[in-house]
């Protein structure tokens, strides 16, 4: 089988989530300046069947048989999940075998397409993003495929809301000195009101971004923005404090996540349930073997897969 499943991973967004990655690394419609996966190598808008969907479904169901305490099955991973033309079929099949809710984390860029909206209709929660509504700021932050523009993104969100019967949680990534000014936030707030989302999830840069010159907002600044955006807004830019039980194959599990995003020592301890001392020893060995590399982002030491 492939390696389409990673997790469970605890997060502020979805609790304990079983992550599903159905996109080759860095196939995306955007090339966001804050992406922790690095620059997009394949900027696409054409949907494709990248992998055997039956194999993906089999791996998910196999993982579910042994996993405990999962709140969501979540499609996210190494690129934009709606680029996979089989996502609708996979979600539909999963619904026949499990009662666990399905979430899709997407940048929302393809929701203007009817086939994409139809493919997501059976999800329980869809988590699109909207970082700016001014065309120039949108282009600066998200660096979209040349076919896309901000009006298409906003129209897609509105069309999706009209037909989607379940929850929409909209992520807003706030970047210092880029989109945190009052004027842009007011425009964003006005547009969000017209979409009709169920929740706003406020985020900022907490992991090494694609462009290291861009920084994060402080907690007090985020709280002010959260209050400004209204009662539906919550801040999501940190892990839950809870620690999951130690996983049997935690080293392979950690490497699978590091292929998709960088993690700090604390991240790994929280997601694996392994002691900090043991994690440190294993990470050092993996670094010496050339499988991973470490680097500082701010005051925190992060680890990532060495390609």
Protein backbone atom coordinates (compact mmCIF):
# COMPACT_ATOMS: atom_id res chain seq x y z
CA UNK A 1 0.00 0.00 0.00
CA UNK A 2 0.97 3.66 -0.29
CA UNK A 3 1.43 6.17 2.49
CA UNK A 4 -1.74 8.18 2.16
CA UNK A 5 -2.66 8.15 5.86
CA UNK A 6 -0.90 10.01 8.68
CA UNK A 7 -2.01 10.62 12.23
CA UNK A 8 -3.90 10.78 14.45
CA UNK A 9 -2.54 14.32 14.96
CA UNK A 10 -3.94 16.64 17.67
CA UNK A 11 -4.74 20.19 16.61
CA UNK A 12 -6.80 23.18 17.64
CA UNK A 13 -8.77 23.00 14.41
CA UNK A 14 -10.17 19.49 14.48
CA UNK A 15 -9.16 17.73 17.69
CA UNK A 16 -7.51 14.37 16.96
CA UNK A 17 -7.44 14.06 13.18
CA UNK A 18 -6.55 11.14 10.92
CA UNK A 19 -4.87 12.93 8.03
CA UNK A 20 -5.35 11.77 4.43
CA UNK A 21 -2.90 12.94 1.76
CA UNK A 22 -4.16 12.30 -1.78
CA UNK A 23 -1.98 14.81 -3.64
CA UNK A 24 1.66 14.49 -4.79
CA UNK A 25 3.91 16.81 -2.81
CA UNK A 26 3.51 20.49 -3.68
CA UNK A 27 0.81 20.14 -6.33
CA UNK A 28 -1.29 23.19 -5.54
CA UNK A 29 -3.27 26.02 -7.06
CA UNK A 30 -1.41 28.51 -4.82
CA UNK A 31 2.18 29.16 -3.83
CA UNK A 32 1.55 30.87 -0.49
CA UNK A 33 4.36 32.84 1.11
CA UNK A 34 3.60 31.21 4.46
CA UNK A 35 3.40 27.58 3.32
CA UNK A 36 5.40 25.33 5.62
CA UNK A 37 5.96 22.83 2.79
CA UNK A 38 8.08 25.27 0.82
CA UNK A 39 7.52 26.58 -2.69
CA UNK A 40 4.93 25.00 -4.95
CA UNK A 41 6.68 22.99 -7.65
CA UNK A 42 3.55 22.13 -9.65
CA UNK A 43 1.09 25.03 -9.76
CA UNK A 44 -2.01 23.47 -11.31
CA UNK A 45 -5.74 23.95 -11.66
CA UNK A 46 -6.46 20.80 -13.71
CA UNK A 47 -7.95 18.03 -11.58
CA UNK A 48 -6.50 14.54 -11.99
CA UNK A 49 -6.73 11.02 -10.63
CA UNK A 50 -3.29 10.86 -9.04
CA UNK A 51 -3.54 7.51 -7.23
CA UNK A 52 -5.74 4.42 -7.15
CA UNK A 53 -8.74 5.55 -5.04
CA UNK A 54 -9.53 1.97 -3.98
CA UNK A 55 -6.02 1.63 -2.55
CA UNK A 56 -6.45 4.89 -0.64
CA UNK A 57 -9.78 3.74 0.79
CA UNK A 58 -8.31 0.37 1.80
CA UNK A 59 -5.42 2.04 3.64
CA UNK A 60 -7.76 4.41 5.48
CA UNK A 61 -10.04 1.58 6.60
CA UNK A 62 -7.06 -0.49 7.70
CA UNK A 63 -5.80 2.40 9.82
CA UNK A 64 -9.22 2.98 11.33
CA UNK A 65 -9.34 -0.61 12.57
CA UNK A 66 -6.34 -0.01 14.83
CA UNK A 67 -6.57 3.71 15.60
CA UNK A 68 -8.22 5.06 18.73
CA UNK A 69 -9.72 8.43 19.63
CA UNK A 70 -10.16 9.96 16.21
CA UNK A 71 -12.43 12.99 15.94
CA UNK A 72 -12.19 13.53 12.17
CA UNK A 73 -10.95 11.89 8.99
CA UNK A 74 -9.26 14.87 7.38
CA UNK A 75 -8.21 15.42 3.76
CA UNK A 76 -5.25 17.84 3.67
CA UNK A 77 -1.61 16.88 3.17
CA UNK A 78 1.03 17.87 0.62
CA UNK A 79 -1.03 20.07 -1.70
CA UNK A 80 -4.55 21.16 -2.57
CA UNK A 81 -6.77 18.08 -2.00
CA UNK A 82 -9.54 19.15 -4.39
CA UNK A 83 -7.07 18.77 -7.28
CA UNK A 84 -7.63 15.04 -6.86
CA UNK A 85 -10.60 14.22 -9.06
CA UNK A 86 -11.40 11.14 -6.94
CA UNK A 87 -12.00 12.97 -3.67
CA UNK A 88 -15.78 12.84 -4.02
CA UNK A 89 -15.77 9.09 -4.65
CA UNK A 90 -13.41 8.47 -1.72
CA UNK A 91 -15.55 10.48 0.70
CA UNK A 92 -18.70 8.74 -0.51
CA UNK A 93 -17.15 5.29 -0.03
CA UNK A 94 -15.84 6.17 3.45
CA UNK A 95 -19.34 7.18 4.46
CA UNK A 96 -20.45 3.62 3.72
CA UNK A 97 -17.92 2.15 6.16
CA UNK A 98 -17.57 4.56 9.08
CA UNK A 99 -19.61 7.03 11.08
CA UNK A 100 -16.61 9.26 11.73
CA UNK A 101 -17.06 12.79 10.37
CA UNK A 102 -15.05 13.78 7.31
CA UNK A 103 -13.29 17.14 7.03
CA UNK A 104 -11.61 18.71 4.01
CA UNK A 105 -8.95 21.40 4.48
CA UNK A 106 -8.78 23.37 1.23
CA UNK A 107 -7.64 26.77 0.03
CA UNK A 108 -11.07 27.12 -1.57
CA UNK A 109 -9.63 28.12 -4.93
CA UNK A 110 -11.63 25.59 -7.00
CA UNK A 111 -15.02 25.99 -5.34
CA UNK A 112 -16.20 28.06 -8.30
CA UNK A 113 -16.32 24.75 -10.20
CA UNK A 114 -19.56 22.79 -9.89
CA UNK A 115 -17.78 19.41 -9.92
CA UNK A 116 -15.64 20.41 -6.93
CA UNK A 117 -18.65 21.65 -4.96
CA UNK A 118 -20.46 18.42 -5.77
CA UNK A 119 -17.47 16.30 -4.69
CA UNK A 120 -17.43 17.95 -1.26
CA UNK A 121 -21.17 17.69 -0.60
CA UNK A 122 -20.82 14.58 1.61
CA UNK A 123 -18.13 16.07 3.86
CA UNK A 124 -19.19 17.04 7.37
CA UNK A 125 -16.90 20.05 7.63
CA UNK A 126 -15.10 21.98 4.90
CA UNK A 127 -12.31 24.32 5.99
CA UNK A 128 -11.45 26.77 3.19
CA UNK A 129 -9.13 29.75 3.59
CA UNK A 130 -9.43 33.42 2.74
CA UNK A 131 -6.41 35.53 3.65
CA UNK A 132 -7.26 38.74 1.82
CA UNK A 133 -10.00 40.18 -0.39
CA UNK A 134 -7.99 42.97 -2.02
CA UNK A 135 -6.61 41.70 -5.33
CA UNK A 136 -3.06 42.97 -4.77
CA UNK A 137 -2.76 41.53 -1.26
CA UNK A 138 -4.33 38.25 -2.37
CA UNK A 139 -1.76 37.91 -5.15
CA UNK A 140 1.09 38.87 -2.83
CA UNK A 141 0.19 36.31 -0.13
CA UNK A 142 -1.25 33.40 -2.07
CA UNK A 143 0.53 33.71 -5.44
CA UNK A 144 -2.26 31.86 -7.29
CA UNK A 145 -2.27 30.11 -10.64
CA UNK A 146 -2.54 32.70 -13.40
CA UNK A 147 -6.12 31.62 -14.21
CA UNK A 148 -7.41 32.48 -10.72
CA UNK A 149 -8.44 35.81 -9.23
CA UNK A 150 -9.93 36.88 -5.92
CA UNK A 151 -13.45 37.39 -7.31
CA UNK A 152 -13.51 33.75 -8.44
CA UNK A 153 -12.45 32.64 -4.96
CA UNK A 154 -15.12 34.71 -3.21
CA UNK A 155 -17.84 33.72 -5.71
CA UNK A 156 -16.88 30.06 -5.24
CA UNK A 157 -17.28 30.32 -1.47
CA UNK A 158 -20.70 31.93 -1.86
CA UNK A 159 -21.87 29.30 -4.36
CA UNK A 160 -20.64 26.52 -2.11
CA UNK A 161 -22.49 27.94 0.88
CA UNK A 162 -25.76 27.93 -1.08
CA UNK A 163 -25.64 24.16 -1.64
CA UNK A 164 -23.48 22.77 1.18
CA UNK A 165 -25.66 21.63 4.09
CA UNK A 166 -22.94 21.16 6.70
CA UNK A 167 -20.31 23.25 8.48
CA UNK A 168 -17.92 25.72 6.84
CA UNK A 169 -15.01 26.89 9.01
CA UNK A 170 -13.05 29.64 7.28
CA UNK A 171 -9.35 30.01 8.07
CA UNK A 172 -7.77 33.46 7.93
CA UNK A 173 -3.96 33.61 8.04
CA UNK A 174 -2.82 36.99 9.36
CA UNK A 175 0.75 38.01 8.50
CA UNK A 176 2.43 40.93 10.15
CA UNK A 177 2.77 44.03 7.94
CA UNK A 178 0.96 42.31 5.06
CA UNK A 179 -2.76 41.86 5.78
CA UNK A 180 -3.23 42.88 9.40
CA UNK A 181 -4.02 46.55 8.73
CA UNK A 182 -7.48 47.74 9.79
CA UNK A 183 -8.57 48.64 6.25
CA UNK A 184 -7.95 45.16 4.86
CA UNK A 185 -9.48 43.49 7.92
CA UNK A 186 -12.62 45.60 7.50
CA UNK A 187 -12.91 44.58 3.84
CA UNK A 188 -12.40 40.94 4.84
CA UNK A 189 -15.03 41.17 7.56
CA UNK A 190 -17.55 42.66 5.13
CA UNK A 191 -17.01 39.88 2.60
CA UNK A 192 -17.17 37.12 5.22
CA UNK A 193 -20.59 38.39 6.29
CA UNK A 194 -21.89 37.83 2.75
CA UNK A 195 -20.65 34.21 2.61
CA UNK A 196 -22.46 32.84 5.65
CA UNK A 197 -19.75 30.70 7.23
CA UNK A 198 -20.20 28.92 10.58
CA UNK A 199 -16.83 29.77 12.13
CA UNK A 200 -13.76 31.90 11.50
CA UNK A 201 -10.45 30.30 12.47
CA UNK A 202 -7.76 32.93 12.95
CA UNK A 203 -4.18 31.83 12.36
CA UNK A 204 -0.70 33.30 12.02
CA UNK A 205 2.76 32.00 11.13
CA UNK A 206 4.01 29.63 13.84
CA UNK A 207 6.06 27.24 11.67
CA UNK A 208 8.89 27.98 9.26
CA UNK A 209 7.22 29.53 6.18
CA UNK A 210 8.14 29.38 2.52
CA UNK A 211 9.39 32.96 2.73
CA UNK A 212 11.25 33.50 6.00
CA UNK A 213 11.06 37.29 5.83
CA UNK A 214 7.40 37.22 6.88
CA UNK A 215 6.54 37.02 10.56
CA UNK A 216 3.80 36.13 12.97
CA UNK A 217 1.36 38.22 14.94
CA UNK A 218 1.58 38.36 18.73
CA UNK A 219 -1.09 36.79 20.90
CA UNK A 220 -2.46 40.14 22.07
CA UNK A 221 -2.68 41.35 18.47
CA UNK A 222 -4.54 38.21 17.43
CA UNK A 223 -7.00 38.63 20.30
CA UNK A 224 -7.83 42.15 19.11
CA UNK A 225 -8.39 40.92 15.55
CA UNK A 226 -10.45 38.01 16.84
CA UNK A 227 -12.69 40.39 18.76
CA UNK A 228 -12.98 42.64 15.70
CA UNK A 229 -14.06 39.76 13.44
CA UNK A 230 -16.85 38.83 15.84
CA UNK A 231 -18.28 36.05 17.97
CA UNK A 232 -17.75 33.36 15.33
CA UNK A 233 -13.98 33.89 15.40
CA UNK A 234 -11.48 31.76 17.33
CA UNK A 235 -7.68 31.66 17.46
CA UNK A 236 -6.24 28.30 16.32
CA UNK A 237 -2.47 28.80 16.09
CA UNK A 238 -1.30 26.33 18.72
CA UNK A 239 -1.64 22.65 19.58
CA UNK A 240 -4.02 21.39 22.18
CA UNK A 241 -2.28 20.74 25.47
CA UNK A 242 -3.33 17.14 25.67
CA UNK A 243 -0.87 14.36 24.90
CA UNK A 244 -1.87 11.25 23.00
CA UNK A 245 -0.81 7.78 24.13
CA UNK A 246 2.52 6.48 22.83
CA UNK A 247 2.23 4.99 19.35
CA UNK A 248 3.86 1.70 18.45
CA UNK A 249 5.41 2.81 15.17
CA UNK A 250 6.02 6.38 16.26
CA UNK A 251 9.31 6.79 14.38
CA UNK A 252 7.79 5.85 11.01
CA UNK A 253 4.74 7.91 11.89
CA UNK A 254 6.89 10.97 12.71
CA UNK A 255 8.90 10.63 9.49
CA UNK A 256 5.65 10.47 7.50
CA UNK A 257 4.52 13.77 9.02
CA UNK A 258 7.93 15.41 8.57
CA UNK A 259 7.67 14.67 4.84
CA UNK A 260 4.62 16.92 4.81
CA UNK A 261 5.54 19.64 7.31
CA UNK A 262 8.16 20.62 9.84
CA UNK A 263 7.66 19.91 13.55
CA UNK A 264 9.24 21.15 16.75
CA UNK A 265 10.39 18.84 19.53
CA UNK A 266 7.27 19.70 21.53
CA UNK A 267 5.08 18.94 18.51
CA UNK A 268 6.56 15.46 18.21
CA UNK A 269 6.26 14.74 21.94
CA UNK A 270 2.60 15.79 21.96
CA UNK A 271 1.62 13.88 18.83
CA UNK A 272 3.44 10.64 19.65
CA UNK A 273 3.15 10.45 23.43
CA UNK A 274 6.86 9.50 23.63
CA UNK A 275 9.05 11.03 26.33
CA UNK A 276 11.08 14.09 25.42
CA UNK A 277 14.38 12.42 26.28
CA UNK A 278 13.66 9.47 24.01
CA UNK A 279 12.47 11.70 21.16
CA UNK A 280 15.67 13.74 21.39
CA UNK A 281 17.84 10.61 21.14
CA UNK A 282 15.97 9.25 18.13
CA UNK A 283 15.92 12.60 16.33
CA UNK A 284 19.66 12.92 16.81
CA UNK A 285 20.18 9.46 15.30
CA UNK A 286 17.88 10.24 12.36
CA UNK A 287 19.78 13.46 11.76
CA UNK A 288 23.12 11.65 11.83
CA UNK A 289 21.73 9.13 9.32
CA UNK A 290 20.78 12.00 7.00
CA UNK A 291 17.05 11.28 7.12
CA UNK A 292 16.04 14.58 8.72
CA UNK A 293 17.57 17.99 9.36
CA UNK A 294 17.07 20.55 12.10
CA UNK A 295 16.98 24.35 12.01
CA UNK A 296 15.84 27.26 14.15
CA UNK A 297 12.76 29.34 13.42
CA UNK A 298 12.63 32.14 15.96
CA UNK A 299 13.58 30.61 19.31
CA UNK A 300 12.30 27.11 18.49
CA UNK A 301 14.19 24.18 17.00
CA UNK A 302 12.33 22.49 14.16
CA UNK A 303 12.86 19.25 12.28
CA UNK A 304 12.01 18.44 8.68
CA UNK A 305 12.53 15.55 6.27
CA UNK A 306 15.73 15.70 4.24
CA UNK A 307 14.81 15.22 0.57
